[in-house]
Amino acid sequence: ILEALLPLFQRRVSQWRGQGVNSILDDWQIRAHPLETEVFVSDAEGNRISGKYCGLTDEGALRLRKLDGALIDVHAGDISLV
């Protein structure tokens, strides 16, 4: 498995070094669920936050619009579809 993954990893590292993190985030966004997809996030304490997926920040955090309309950045947690 590692032999198969290594060239892919090397290609992404080269992309990151040559084009910056935004090119990788753009590629990820193309493959992600559509904007406004309903999701929920469970944090380390087991809290569950529901909302709509609003893309990624420049640092790679998930943007979530909570049910009350507040927009938050999620840096870590388990993310699931509603």
C-alpha atoms as a PDB file:
ATOM      1  CA  ILE A   1       0.000   0.000   0.000  1.00  0.00           C
ATOM      2  CA  LEU A   2       2.808   2.385   0.871  1.00  0.00           C
ATOM      3  CA  GLU A   3       4.428   1.845  -2.526  1.00  0.00           C
ATOM      4  CA  ALA A   4       1.155   2.865  -4.180  1.00  0.00           C
ATOM      5  CA  LEU A   5       0.623   5.908  -1.951  1.00  0.00           C
ATOM      6  CA  LEU A   6       4.162   7.289  -1.982  1.00  0.00           C
ATOM      7  CA  PRO A   7       4.071   8.743  -5.539  1.00  0.00           C
ATOM      8  CA  LEU A   8       0.708  10.385  -4.810  1.00  0.00           C
ATOM      9  CA  PHE A   9       2.045  11.907  -1.608  1.00  0.00           C
ATOM     10  CA  GLN A  10       5.194  13.118  -3.392  1.00  0.00           C
ATOM     11  CA  ARG A  11       3.060  14.770  -6.069  1.00  0.00           C
ATOM     12  CA  ARG A  12       0.974  16.626  -3.442  1.00  0.00           C
ATOM     13  CA  VAL A  13       4.096  17.773  -1.581  1.00  0.00           C
ATOM     14  CA  SER A  14       5.522  19.101  -4.852  1.00  0.00           C
ATOM     15  CA  GLN A  15       2.212  20.832  -5.578  1.00  0.00           C
ATOM     16  CA  TRP A  16       2.202  22.400  -2.101  1.00  0.00           C
ATOM     17  CA  ARG A  17       5.814  23.582  -2.428  1.00  0.00           C
ATOM     18  CA  GLY A  18       5.339  24.944  -5.949  1.00  0.00           C
ATOM     19  CA  GLN A  19       1.817  26.364  -5.817  1.00  0.00           C
ATOM     20  CA  GLY A  20       1.021  26.775  -2.131  1.00  0.00           C
ATOM     21  CA  VAL A  21      -1.655  25.289   0.070  1.00  0.00           C
ATOM     22  CA  ASN A  22      -4.535  27.021  -1.751  1.00  0.00           C
ATOM     23  CA  SER A  23      -4.098  24.804  -4.813  1.00  0.00           C
ATOM     24  CA  ILE A  24      -4.491  21.727  -2.618  1.00  0.00           C
ATOM     25  CA  LEU A  25      -7.508  23.218  -0.844  1.00  0.00           C
ATOM     26  CA  ASP A  26      -9.054  24.012  -4.241  1.00  0.00           C
ATOM     27  CA  ASP A  27      -8.566  20.408  -5.364  1.00  0.00           C
ATOM     28  CA  TRP A  28     -10.094  19.152  -2.121  1.00  0.00           C
ATOM     29  CA  GLN A  29     -13.098  21.483  -2.460  1.00  0.00           C
ATOM     30  CA  ILE A  30     -13.836  20.150  -5.950  1.00  0.00           C
ATOM     31  CA  ARG A  31     -14.163  16.656  -4.478  1.00  0.00           C
ATOM     32  CA  ALA A  32     -15.992  17.658  -1.272  1.00  0.00           C
ATOM     33  CA  HIS A  33     -19.716  17.664  -0.684  1.00  0.00           C
ATOM     34  CA  PRO A  34     -21.551  20.619  -2.224  1.00  0.00           C
ATOM     35  CA  LEU A  35     -21.745  23.887  -0.331  1.00  0.00           C
ATOM     36  CA  GLU A  36     -24.769  24.107   1.987  1.00  0.00           C
ATOM     37  CA  THR A  37     -24.729  20.336   2.635  1.00  0.00           C
ATOM     38  CA  GLU A  38     -26.148  19.723   6.104  1.00  0.00           C
ATOM     39  CA  VAL A  39     -23.530  18.247   8.450  1.00  0.00           C
ATOM     40  CA  PHE A  40     -22.825  17.898  12.121  1.00  0.00           C
ATOM     41  CA  VAL A  41     -19.558  18.081  14.000  1.00  0.00           C
ATOM     42  CA  SER A  42     -18.737  16.176  17.184  1.00  0.00           C
ATOM     43  CA  ASP A  43     -15.876  17.709  19.144  1.00  0.00           C
ATOM     44  CA  ALA A  44     -13.518  16.046  21.632  1.00  0.00           C
ATOM     45  CA  GLU A  45     -15.992  16.621  24.484  1.00  0.00           C
ATOM     46  CA  GLY A  46     -18.788  14.895  22.569  1.00  0.00           C
ATOM     47  CA  ASN A  47     -20.692  18.099  21.789  1.00  0.00           C
ATOM     48  CA  ARG A  48     -22.651  17.937  18.555  1.00  0.00           C
ATOM     49  CA  ILE A  49     -22.979  21.071  16.417  1.00  0.00           C
ATOM     50  CA  SER A  50     -25.345  21.000  13.440  1.00  0.00           C
ATOM     51  CA  GLY A  51     -25.150  23.321  10.477  1.00  0.00           C
ATOM     52  CA  LYS A  52     -24.359  23.739   6.795  1.00  0.00           C
ATOM     53  CA  TYR A  53     -20.988  23.217   5.160  1.00  0.00           C
ATOM     54  CA  CYS A  54     -19.715  26.564   3.823  1.00  0.00           C
ATOM     55  CA  GLY A  55     -16.336  25.588   2.389  1.00  0.00           C
ATOM     56  CA  LEU A  56     -12.828  25.804   3.810  1.00  0.00           C
ATOM     57  CA  THR A  57     -10.727  28.622   5.228  1.00  0.00           C
ATOM     58  CA  ASP A  58      -7.292  29.425   3.798  1.00  0.00           C
ATOM     59  CA  GLU A  59      -5.845  27.354   6.660  1.00  0.00           C
ATOM     60  CA  GLY A  60      -8.002  24.329   5.804  1.00  0.00           C
ATOM     61  CA  ALA A  61     -10.575  24.637   8.606  1.00  0.00           C
ATOM     62  CA  LEU A  62     -14.148  23.700   7.777  1.00  0.00           C
ATOM     63  CA  ARG A  63     -16.560  26.663   7.660  1.00  0.00           C
ATOM     64  CA  LEU A  64     -19.879  25.808   9.305  1.00  0.00           C
ATOM     65  CA  ARG A  65     -23.010  27.938   9.414  1.00  0.00           C
ATOM     66  CA  LYS A  66     -24.782  26.915  12.597  1.00  0.00           C
ATOM     67  CA  LEU A  67     -28.563  26.697  12.824  1.00  0.00           C
ATOM     68  CA  ASP A  68     -28.656  30.125  14.523  1.00  0.00           C
ATOM     69  CA  GLY A  69     -26.846  31.634  11.514  1.00  0.00           C
ATOM     70  CA  ALA A  70     -23.447  32.047  13.187  1.00  0.00           C
ATOM     71  CA  LEU A  71     -20.480  31.144  10.985  1.00  0.00           C
ATOM     72  CA  ILE A  72     -17.710  29.219  12.768  1.00  0.00           C
ATOM     73  CA  ASP A  73     -14.418  27.628  11.738  1.00  0.00           C
ATOM     74  CA  VAL A  74     -13.965  23.992  12.772  1.00  0.00           C
ATOM     75  CA  HIS A  75     -10.305  23.034  13.151  1.00  0.00           C
ATOM     76  CA  ALA A  76     -10.816  19.534  14.554  1.00  0.00           C
ATOM     77  CA  GLY A  77     -13.649  17.086  15.158  1.00  0.00           C
ATOM     78  CA  ASP A  78     -15.631  14.300  13.609  1.00  0.00           C
ATOM     79  CA  ILE A  79     -17.751  15.533  10.720  1.00  0.00           C
ATOM     80  CA  SER A  80     -20.764  13.560   9.510  1.00  0.00           C
ATOM     81  CA  LEU A  81     -23.650  14.080   7.138  1.00  0.00           C
ATOM     82  CA  VAL A  82     -27.001  14.720   8.766  1.00  0.00           C
END
